[in-house]
C-alpha atoms as a PDB file:
ATOM      1  CA  MET A   1      -2.979   6.130  22.093  1.00  0.00           C
ATOM      2  CA  ILE A   2      -0.877   3.808  19.923  1.00  0.00           C
ATOM      3  CA  PRO A   3      -2.510   0.365  19.891  1.00  0.00           C
ATOM      4  CA  PRO A   4      -0.308  -2.474  21.363  1.00  0.00           C
ATOM      5  CA  PHE A   5       0.453  -4.216  18.012  1.00  0.00           C
ATOM      6  CA  ASN A   6       2.980  -3.834  15.222  1.00  0.00           C
ATOM      7  CA  TYR A   7       3.046  -5.681  12.008  1.00  0.00           C
ATOM      8  CA  HIS A   8       6.097  -3.966  10.440  1.00  0.00           C
ATOM      9  CA  THR A   9       9.179  -5.565  12.019  1.00  0.00           C
ATOM     10  CA  HIS A  10      12.533  -6.448  10.072  1.00  0.00           C
ATOM     11  CA  THR A  11      15.279  -8.861  10.932  1.00  0.00           C
ATOM     12  CA  PHE A  12      19.018  -8.944  10.305  1.00  0.00           C
ATOM     13  CA  ARG A  13      18.369 -11.058   7.208  1.00  0.00           C
ATOM     14  CA  CYS A  14      17.458  -7.852   5.200  1.00  0.00           C
ATOM     15  CA  ARG A  15      21.155  -6.776   5.433  1.00  0.00           C
ATOM     16  CA  HIS A  16      20.324  -3.415   6.955  1.00  0.00           C
ATOM     17  CA  ALA A  17      18.701  -4.362  10.328  1.00  0.00           C
ATOM     18  CA  SER A  18      20.285  -5.859  13.407  1.00  0.00           C
ATOM     19  CA  GLY A  19      19.397  -7.891  16.432  1.00  0.00           C
ATOM     20  CA  LYS A  20      18.300 -11.456  17.050  1.00  0.00           C
ATOM     21  CA  ASP A  21      14.731 -12.573  16.425  1.00  0.00           C
ATOM     22  CA  ARG A  22      14.350 -13.360  20.125  1.00  0.00           C
ATOM     23  CA  GLU A  23      15.389  -9.823  21.078  1.00  0.00           C
ATOM     24  CA  TYR A  24      12.590  -8.313  19.007  1.00  0.00           C
ATOM     25  CA  ILE A  25      10.052 -10.571  20.740  1.00  0.00           C
ATOM     26  CA  GLU A  26      11.326 -10.033  24.308  1.00  0.00           C
ATOM     27  CA  THR A  27      11.435  -6.241  23.761  1.00  0.00           C
ATOM     28  CA  ALA A  28       7.857  -6.278  22.403  1.00  0.00           C
ATOM     29  CA  ILE A  29       6.724  -8.297  25.456  1.00  0.00           C
ATOM     30  CA  GLN A  30       8.480  -5.911  27.824  1.00  0.00           C
ATOM     31  CA  THR A  31       6.945  -2.922  26.176  1.00  0.00           C
ATOM     32  CA  GLY A  32       3.386  -4.268  26.446  1.00  0.00           C
ATOM     33  CA  TYR A  33       2.613  -5.452  22.864  1.00  0.00           C
ATOM     34  CA  GLN A  34      -0.054  -8.106  22.473  1.00  0.00           C
ATOM     35  CA  ILE A  35       0.935  -8.806  18.795  1.00  0.00           C
ATOM     36  CA  LEU A  36       4.226  -8.683  16.939  1.00  0.00           C
ATOM     37  CA  GLY A  37       4.172  -9.290  13.177  1.00  0.00           C
ATOM     38  CA  PHE A  38       7.500  -9.838  11.396  1.00  0.00           C
ATOM     39  CA  SER A  39       7.572  -8.518   7.848  1.00  0.00           C
ATOM     40  CA  ASP A  40      11.128  -8.620   6.518  1.00  0.00           C
ATOM     41  CA  HIS A  41      11.895  -7.399   2.997  1.00  0.00           C
ATOM     42  CA  CYS A  42      10.705 -10.176   0.771  1.00  0.00           C
ATOM     43  CA  PRO A  43      13.160 -11.776  -1.659  1.00  0.00           C
ATOM     44  CA  TRP A  44      12.674 -11.702  -5.393  1.00  0.00           C
ATOM     45  CA  VAL A  45      13.864 -14.449  -7.745  1.00  0.00           C
ATOM     46  CA  TYR A  46      16.042 -12.856 -10.455  1.00  0.00           C
ATOM     47  CA  GLU A  47      16.845 -15.069 -13.402  1.00  0.00           C
ATOM     48  CA  ASN A  48      19.891 -12.817 -14.216  1.00  0.00           C
ATOM     49  CA  GLY A  49      21.450 -13.728 -10.808  1.00  0.00           C
ATOM     50  CA  PHE A  50      21.119 -10.184  -9.359  1.00  0.00           C
ATOM     51  CA  VAL A  51      21.638 -10.095  -5.601  1.00  0.00           C
ATOM     52  CA  SER A  52      19.938  -7.381  -3.638  1.00  0.00           C
ATOM     53  CA  THR A  53      21.806  -5.611  -0.743  1.00  0.00           C
ATOM     54  CA  MET A  54      18.583  -4.439   0.880  1.00  0.00           C
ATOM     55  CA  ARG A  55      16.449  -7.517   1.267  1.00  0.00           C
ATOM     56  CA  MET A  56      16.419 -11.137   2.326  1.00  0.00           C
ATOM     57  CA  ALA A  57      18.035 -13.656   0.001  1.00  0.00           C
ATOM     58  CA  PRO A  58      15.863 -16.569  -1.268  1.00  0.00           C
ATOM     59  CA  GLU A  59      17.963 -18.958   0.554  1.00  0.00           C
ATOM     60  CA  ASP A  60      17.296 -17.244   3.939  1.00  0.00           C
ATOM     61  CA  VAL A  61      13.515 -17.868   3.713  1.00  0.00           C
ATOM     62  CA  ASP A  62      13.631 -21.332   5.314  1.00  0.00           C
ATOM     63  CA  GLY A  63      15.671 -20.105   8.303  1.00  0.00           C
ATOM     64  CA  TYR A  64      13.350 -17.067   8.749  1.00  0.00           C
ATOM     65  CA  PHE A  65      10.289 -19.344   9.101  1.00  0.00           C
ATOM     66  CA  HIS A  66      12.026 -21.974  11.151  1.00  0.00           C
ATOM     67  CA  SER A  67      13.310 -19.411  13.719  1.00  0.00           C
ATOM     68  CA  LEU A  68      10.088 -17.481  13.947  1.00  0.00           C
ATOM     69  CA  GLU A  69       7.855 -20.624  14.166  1.00  0.00           C
ATOM     70  CA  ASP A  70      10.094 -22.011  16.955  1.00  0.00           C
ATOM     71  CA  LEU A  71       9.849 -18.688  18.835  1.00  0.00           C
ATOM     72  CA  ARG A  72       6.038 -18.381  18.284  1.00  0.00           C
ATOM     73  CA  ARG A  73       5.567 -21.754  20.044  1.00  0.00           C
ATOM     74  CA  GLU A  74       7.999 -20.753  22.817  1.00  0.00           C
ATOM     75  CA  TYR A  75       6.333 -17.392  23.580  1.00  0.00           C
ATOM     76  CA  LYS A  76       2.686 -18.358  22.766  1.00  0.00           C
ATOM     77  CA  LYS A  77       1.544 -17.575  26.284  1.00  0.00           C
ATOM     78  CA  ASP A  78       3.088 -14.092  26.229  1.00  0.00           C
ATOM     79  CA  ILE A  79       2.525 -12.630  22.836  1.00  0.00           C
ATOM     80  CA  GLN A  80       1.005 -13.443  19.477  1.00  0.00           C
ATOM     81  CA  ILE A  81       3.501 -13.738  16.656  1.00  0.00           C
ATOM     82  CA  PHE A  82       2.761 -13.472  13.048  1.00  0.00           C
ATOM     83  CA  ILE A  83       5.224 -14.177  10.092  1.00  0.00           C
ATOM     84  CA  GLY A  84       4.972 -12.113   6.895  1.00  0.00           C
ATOM     85  CA  PHE A  85       6.805 -10.124   4.440  1.00  0.00           C
ATOM     86  CA  GLU A  86       7.017  -6.498   3.164  1.00  0.00           C
ATOM     87  CA  ALA A  87       7.183  -6.499  -0.580  1.00  0.00           C
ATOM     88  CA  GLU A  88       6.722  -4.372  -3.654  1.00  0.00           C
ATOM     89  CA  TYR A  89       4.012  -5.119  -6.324  1.00  0.00           C
ATOM     90  CA  ILE A  90       6.040  -5.923  -9.401  1.00  0.00           C
ATOM     91  CA  PRO A  91       3.794  -7.977 -11.802  1.00  0.00           C
ATOM     92  CA  GLU A  92       6.592  -9.504 -13.922  1.00  0.00           C
ATOM     93  CA  LEU A  93       8.223 -10.933 -10.720  1.00  0.00           C
ATOM     94  CA  MET A  94       5.080 -12.082  -8.819  1.00  0.00           C
ATOM     95  CA  GLU A  95       5.022 -15.632 -10.270  1.00  0.00           C
ATOM     96  CA  GLY A  96       8.638 -16.413  -9.145  1.00  0.00           C
ATOM     97  CA  GLN A  97       7.910 -14.935  -5.716  1.00  0.00           C
ATOM     98  CA  ASP A  98       4.778 -17.117  -5.383  1.00  0.00           C
ATOM     99  CA  ARG A  99       6.653 -20.230  -6.245  1.00  0.00           C
ATOM    100  CA  LEU A 100       9.386 -19.324  -3.748  1.00  0.00           C
ATOM    101  CA  LEU A 101       6.872 -18.890  -0.878  1.00  0.00           C
ATOM    102  CA  ALA A 102       4.365 -21.588  -1.809  1.00  0.00           C
ATOM    103  CA  ASP A 103       5.485 -24.155   0.730  1.00  0.00           C
ATOM    104  CA  PHE A 104       5.826 -21.706   3.795  1.00  0.00           C
ATOM    105  CA  PRO A 105       3.094 -20.921   6.267  1.00  0.00           C
ATOM    106  CA  LEU A 106       2.970 -17.119   5.367  1.00  0.00           C
ATOM    107  CA  ASP A 107       0.464 -15.160   7.566  1.00  0.00           C
ATOM    108  CA  TYR A 108       0.453 -11.907   5.597  1.00  0.00           C
ATOM    109  CA  MET A 109       2.236  -9.448   3.466  1.00  0.00           C
ATOM    110  CA  ILE A 110       2.323  -5.689   3.514  1.00  0.00           C
ATOM    111  CA  LEU A 111       2.738  -3.561   0.422  1.00  0.00           C
ATOM    112  CA  GLY A 112       5.916  -1.297   0.620  1.00  0.00           C
ATOM    113  CA  GLN A 113       6.499   0.125  -2.874  1.00  0.00           C
ATOM    114  CA  HIS A 114      10.223   1.141  -2.738  1.00  0.00           C
ATOM    115  CA  PHE A 115      10.690   0.538  -6.497  1.00  0.00           C
ATOM    116  CA  LEU A 116       8.442   0.677  -9.645  1.00  0.00           C
ATOM    117  CA  GLY A 117      10.179  -2.313 -11.266  1.00  0.00           C
ATOM    118  CA  PRO A 118      12.860  -4.886 -10.595  1.00  0.00           C
ATOM    119  CA  GLU A 119      15.496  -3.428  -8.289  1.00  0.00           C
ATOM    120  CA  ASP A 120      18.386  -3.764 -10.616  1.00  0.00           C
ATOM    121  CA  GLN A 121      16.517  -1.743 -13.203  1.00  0.00           C
ATOM    122  CA  SER A 122      14.833   0.905 -11.010  1.00  0.00           C
ATOM    123  CA  THR A 123      15.508   3.942  -8.907  1.00  0.00           C
ATOM    124  CA  TYR A 124      14.762   3.898  -5.188  1.00  0.00           C
ATOM    125  CA  LEU A 125      11.683   6.085  -4.702  1.00  0.00           C
ATOM    126  CA  GLY A 126      13.048   7.513  -1.510  1.00  0.00           C
ATOM    127  CA  MET A 127      15.317   9.708  -3.650  1.00  0.00           C
ATOM    128  CA  PRO A 128      13.979  13.065  -4.605  1.00  0.00           C
ATOM    129  CA  VAL A 129      12.056  13.033  -7.991  1.00  0.00           C
ATOM    130  CA  ARG A 130      10.441  15.811  -9.818  1.00  0.00           C
ATOM    131  CA  ASN A 131       8.981  13.848 -12.762  1.00  0.00           C
ATOM    132  CA  ASP A 132       5.143  13.877 -12.661  1.00  0.00           C
ATOM    133  CA  ALA A 133       5.048  10.597 -14.568  1.00  0.00           C
ATOM    134  CA  VAL A 134       6.915   8.780 -11.823  1.00  0.00           C
ATOM    135  CA  LEU A 135       4.360   9.871  -9.231  1.00  0.00           C
ATOM    136  CA  THR A 136       1.462   8.925 -11.443  1.00  0.00           C
ATOM    137  CA  GLN A 137       3.113   5.473 -12.077  1.00  0.00           C
ATOM    138  CA  TYR A 138       3.672   5.068  -8.357  1.00  0.00           C
ATOM    139  CA  VAL A 139       0.063   5.763  -7.607  1.00  0.00           C
ATOM    140  CA  ASP A 140      -1.199   3.435 -10.449  1.00  0.00           C
ATOM    141  CA  THR A 141       1.087   0.626  -9.180  1.00  0.00           C
ATOM    142  CA  VAL A 142       0.043   0.865  -5.495  1.00  0.00           C
ATOM    143  CA  ILE A 143      -3.605   0.909  -6.504  1.00  0.00           C
ATOM    144  CA  GLU A 144      -3.183  -2.114  -8.809  1.00  0.00           C
ATOM    145  CA  GLY A 145      -1.306  -3.881  -6.079  1.00  0.00           C
ATOM    146  CA  ALA A 146      -3.909  -3.080  -3.448  1.00  0.00           C
ATOM    147  CA  LYS A 147      -6.700  -4.459  -5.707  1.00  0.00           C
ATOM    148  CA  THR A 148      -5.060  -7.868  -5.884  1.00  0.00           C
ATOM    149  CA  GLY A 149      -6.000  -8.668  -2.259  1.00  0.00           C
ATOM    150  CA  ARG A 150      -2.496  -9.878  -1.500  1.00  0.00           C
ATOM    151  CA  TYR A 151      -1.664  -7.201   1.059  1.00  0.00           C
ATOM    152  CA  LEU A 152      -2.866  -6.572   4.637  1.00  0.00           C
ATOM    153  CA  TYR A 153      -2.134  -2.791   4.245  1.00  0.00           C
ATOM    154  CA  VAL A 154       0.035  -0.258   2.481  1.00  0.00           C
ATOM    155  CA  ALA A 155       3.297   0.511   4.207  1.00  0.00           C
ATOM    156  CA  HIS A 156       4.555   4.152   4.114  1.00  0.00           C
ATOM    157  CA  PRO A 157       2.273   5.240   1.225  1.00  0.00           C
ATOM    158  CA  ASP A 158       4.074   8.502   1.222  1.00  0.00           C
ATOM    159  CA  VAL A 159       7.548   7.035   0.738  1.00  0.00           C
ATOM    160  CA  ILE A 160       7.881   8.502  -2.747  1.00  0.00           C
ATOM    161  CA  HIS A 161       9.948  11.642  -2.345  1.00  0.00           C
ATOM    162  CA  TYR A 162       8.122  13.724  -5.032  1.00  0.00           C
ATOM    163  CA  VAL A 163       9.406  17.360  -5.049  1.00  0.00           C
ATOM    164  CA  GLY A 164       7.498  18.743  -7.964  1.00  0.00           C
ATOM    165  CA  SER A 165       4.107  20.566  -8.011  1.00  0.00           C
ATOM    166  CA  LYS A 166       2.217  20.568  -4.787  1.00  0.00           C
ATOM    167  CA  LYS A 167      -1.106  20.733  -6.733  1.00  0.00           C
ATOM    168  CA  PHE A 168      -0.101  17.698  -8.772  1.00  0.00           C
ATOM    169  CA  TYR A 169       0.771  15.865  -5.632  1.00  0.00           C
ATOM    170  CA  GLU A 170      -2.525  16.598  -4.021  1.00  0.00           C
ATOM    171  CA  THR A 171      -4.340  15.449  -7.099  1.00  0.00           C
ATOM    172  CA  GLU A 172      -2.485  12.138  -7.397  1.00  0.00           C
ATOM    173  CA  MET A 173      -2.323  11.264  -3.698  1.00  0.00           C
ATOM    174  CA  THR A 174      -6.129  12.171  -3.353  1.00  0.00           C
ATOM    175  CA  ARG A 175      -6.685   9.565  -6.145  1.00  0.00           C
ATOM    176  CA  LEU A 176      -4.565   7.100  -4.253  1.00  0.00           C
ATOM    177  CA  CYS A 177      -6.319   7.691  -0.916  1.00  0.00           C
ATOM    178  CA  LYS A 178      -9.717   7.403  -2.509  1.00  0.00           C
ATOM    179  CA  ALA A 179      -8.892   4.163  -4.310  1.00  0.00           C
ATOM    180  CA  LEU A 180      -7.461   2.671  -1.060  1.00  0.00           C
ATOM    181  CA  LYS A 181     -10.548   3.669   0.947  1.00  0.00           C
ATOM    182  CA  GLU A 182     -12.779   1.965  -1.782  1.00  0.00           C
ATOM    183  CA  THR A 183     -10.579  -1.126  -1.639  1.00  0.00           C
ATOM    184  CA  GLY A 184     -10.781  -1.238   2.265  1.00  0.00           C
ATOM    185  CA  ILE A 185      -6.999  -1.383   2.719  1.00  0.00           C
ATOM    186  CA  PRO A 186      -5.412   0.687   5.526  1.00  0.00           C
ATOM    187  CA  VAL A 187      -2.615   3.130   5.131  1.00  0.00           C
ATOM    188  CA  GLU A 188       0.369   3.030   7.422  1.00  0.00           C
ATOM    189  CA  ILE A 189       1.708   5.924   9.391  1.00  0.00           C
ATOM    190  CA  ASN A 190       5.465   5.106   9.542  1.00  0.00           C
ATOM    191  CA  LEU A 191       6.808   5.601  13.008  1.00  0.00           C
ATOM    192  CA  LEU A 192      10.479   5.102  12.092  1.00  0.00           C
ATOM    193  CA  GLY A 193      10.199   7.899   9.463  1.00  0.00           C
ATOM    194  CA  ALA A 194       8.514  10.159  11.985  1.00  0.00           C
ATOM    195  CA  SER A 195      11.281   9.459  14.596  1.00  0.00           C
ATOM    196  CA  ASP A 196      14.182   9.908  12.105  1.00  0.00           C
ATOM    197  CA  GLY A 197      12.821  13.117  10.599  1.00  0.00           C
ATOM    198  CA  ARG A 198      12.627  11.572   7.058  1.00  0.00           C
ATOM    199  CA  HIS A 199      10.519  13.125   4.259  1.00  0.00           C
ATOM    200  CA  TYR A 200       7.776  10.769   5.362  1.00  0.00           C
ATOM    201  CA  PRO A 201       5.367  10.770   7.061  1.00  0.00           C
ATOM    202  CA  SER A 202       4.351  13.654   4.745  1.00  0.00           C
ATOM    203  CA  ASP A 203       2.191  16.228   6.424  1.00  0.00           C
ATOM    204  CA  LEU A 204       0.408  16.936   3.088  1.00  0.00           C
ATOM    205  CA  PHE A 205      -0.357  13.241   2.463  1.00  0.00           C
ATOM    206  CA  TRP A 206      -1.839  12.840   6.000  1.00  0.00           C
ATOM    207  CA  HIS A 207      -3.845  15.898   5.428  1.00  0.00           C
ATOM    208  CA  ILE A 208      -5.339  14.290   2.374  1.00  0.00           C
ATOM    209  CA  ALA A 209      -5.808  10.902   4.143  1.00  0.00           C
ATOM    210  CA  GLY A 210      -7.552  12.730   6.985  1.00  0.00           C
ATOM    211  CA  LYS A 211      -9.942  14.464   4.602  1.00  0.00           C
ATOM    212  CA  THR A 212     -10.535  11.260   2.599  1.00  0.00           C
ATOM    213  CA  GLY A 213     -11.242   9.250   5.755  1.00  0.00           C
ATOM    214  CA  ASN A 214      -8.802   6.431   5.166  1.00  0.00           C
ATOM    215  CA  ALA A 215      -8.439   3.772   7.782  1.00  0.00           C
ATOM    216  CA  CYS A 216      -4.906   4.147   9.308  1.00  0.00           C
ATOM    217  CA  ILE A 217      -2.551   1.859  11.025  1.00  0.00           C
ATOM    218  CA  VAL A 218       0.751   2.588  12.901  1.00  0.00           C
ATOM    219  CA  GLY A 219       3.810   0.672  11.615  1.00  0.00           C
ATOM    220  CA  PHE A 220       7.065   0.847  13.707  1.00  0.00           C
ATOM    221  CA  ASP A 221       9.185  -0.320  10.813  1.00  0.00           C
ATOM    222  CA  ALA A 222      11.576  -1.583  13.392  1.00  0.00           C
ATOM    223  CA  HIS A 223      15.122  -2.411  12.196  1.00  0.00           C
ATOM    224  CA  THR A 224      16.488  -2.928  15.707  1.00  0.00           C
ATOM    225  CA  PRO A 225      14.816  -4.265  18.883  1.00  0.00           C
ATOM    226  CA  LYS A 226      14.964  -0.818  20.546  1.00  0.00           C
ATOM    227  CA  GLN A 227      12.957   0.731  17.698  1.00  0.00           C
ATOM    228  CA  LEU A 228      10.040  -1.254  18.987  1.00  0.00           C
ATOM    229  CA  ILE A 229      10.051   1.173  21.933  1.00  0.00           C
ATOM    230  CA  ASN A 230      10.733   4.534  20.209  1.00  0.00           C
ATOM    231  CA  GLU A 231       8.892   7.037  22.461  1.00  0.00           C
ATOM    232  CA  HIS A 232       9.925   9.905  20.328  1.00  0.00           C
ATOM    233  CA  GLY A 233       8.380   8.352  17.315  1.00  0.00           C
ATOM    234  CA  LYS A 234       5.154   7.508  19.156  1.00  0.00           C
ATOM    235  CA  THR A 235       4.974  11.245  20.275  1.00  0.00           C
ATOM    236  CA  GLN A 236       5.383  12.463  16.692  1.00  0.00           C
ATOM    237  CA  VAL A 237       2.852  10.045  15.312  1.00  0.00           C
ATOM    238  CA  GLU A 238       0.331  10.910  17.965  1.00  0.00           C
ATOM    239  CA  LYS A 239       0.639  14.599  17.087  1.00  0.00           C
ATOM    240  CA  LEU A 240       0.073  13.743  13.407  1.00  0.00           C
ATOM    241  CA  ILE A 241      -2.960  11.675  14.278  1.00  0.00           C
ATOM    242  CA  LYS A 242      -4.431  14.559  16.291  1.00  0.00           C
ATOM    243  CA  LYS A 243      -3.624  17.256  13.792  1.00  0.00           C
ATOM    244  CA  HIS A 244      -5.276  15.566  10.861  1.00  0.00           C
ATOM    245  CA  ARG A 245      -8.027  13.747  12.833  1.00  0.00           C
ATOM    246  CA  LEU A 246      -6.914  10.456  11.364  1.00  0.00           C
ATOM    247  CA  SER A 247      -9.015   7.358  11.751  1.00  0.00           C
ATOM    248  CA  LEU A 248      -6.659   4.988  13.594  1.00  0.00           C
ATOM    249  CA  SER A 249      -7.548   1.308  13.653  1.00  0.00           C
ATOM    250  CA  GLU A 250      -7.376   0.022  17.170  1.00  0.00           C
ATOM    251  CA  LYS A 251      -8.450  -3.521  16.202  1.00  0.00           C
ATOM    252  CA  PRO A 252      -5.742  -5.928  15.099  1.00  0.00           C
ATOM    253  CA  PRO A 253      -6.249  -6.715  11.433  1.00  0.00           C
ATOM    254  CA  LEU A 254      -5.237 -10.497  11.891  1.00  0.00           C
ATOM    255  CA  ALA A 255      -6.788 -13.161  14.013  1.00  0.00           C
ATOM    256  CA  LYS A 256      -4.805 -15.398  16.387  1.00  0.00           C
ATOM    257  CA  PRO A 257      -2.940 -18.092  14.709  1.00  0.00           C
ATOM    258  CA  GLU A 258      -4.147 -21.624  15.514  1.00  0.00           C
END
């Protein structure tokens, strides 16, 4: 039931994943994937010298593309490889990010909103939060980011761990789902979260997405080569899709690279 492609794959460069680039590709081929997209956590350029411990450093970008371009050529008869990034939408940092990536053959980006501002000034949204204003800001930010046209889809749209009013959550997430449907951007059912028993995928969020009729895509969010197999995660996601009658995209959203 899960289509044979994945666009949410990390590498050791983000500092919390492991495995060689080649191992991810060979595991994907052995598992029957037709497409593998790499989307490691995209660097930000901080003028104050801040160094993130959860994403690629700017100086690693060249090696990332060099390695994956070489492997794409080597395995072109076996699988399609795309090279991208997962990134937040943070308006004040976008110009620096664009300059950093301008000379690289970037295939795509996915929107994974882990923070609402620069990482050194913000709280990780996966931590429990009761403040209604934070949820509203999250929804506003994701909608604004989606409307830029920069992103292929929204990764784990339910990553924000809001523990306040259920009614308020329904109101805000309905607003998000409707806006994303209007924009034509799919929402990702995060297979790693389903496998690990995280607070996402949120049953309530996917109930809303099912009612709204959002286009959905499965993202493995693989941080090790073995997580590209993840049969337990597949089972959990398939149950979620069936329960909420989700509209799963079976067509790959990217064309074959030339």
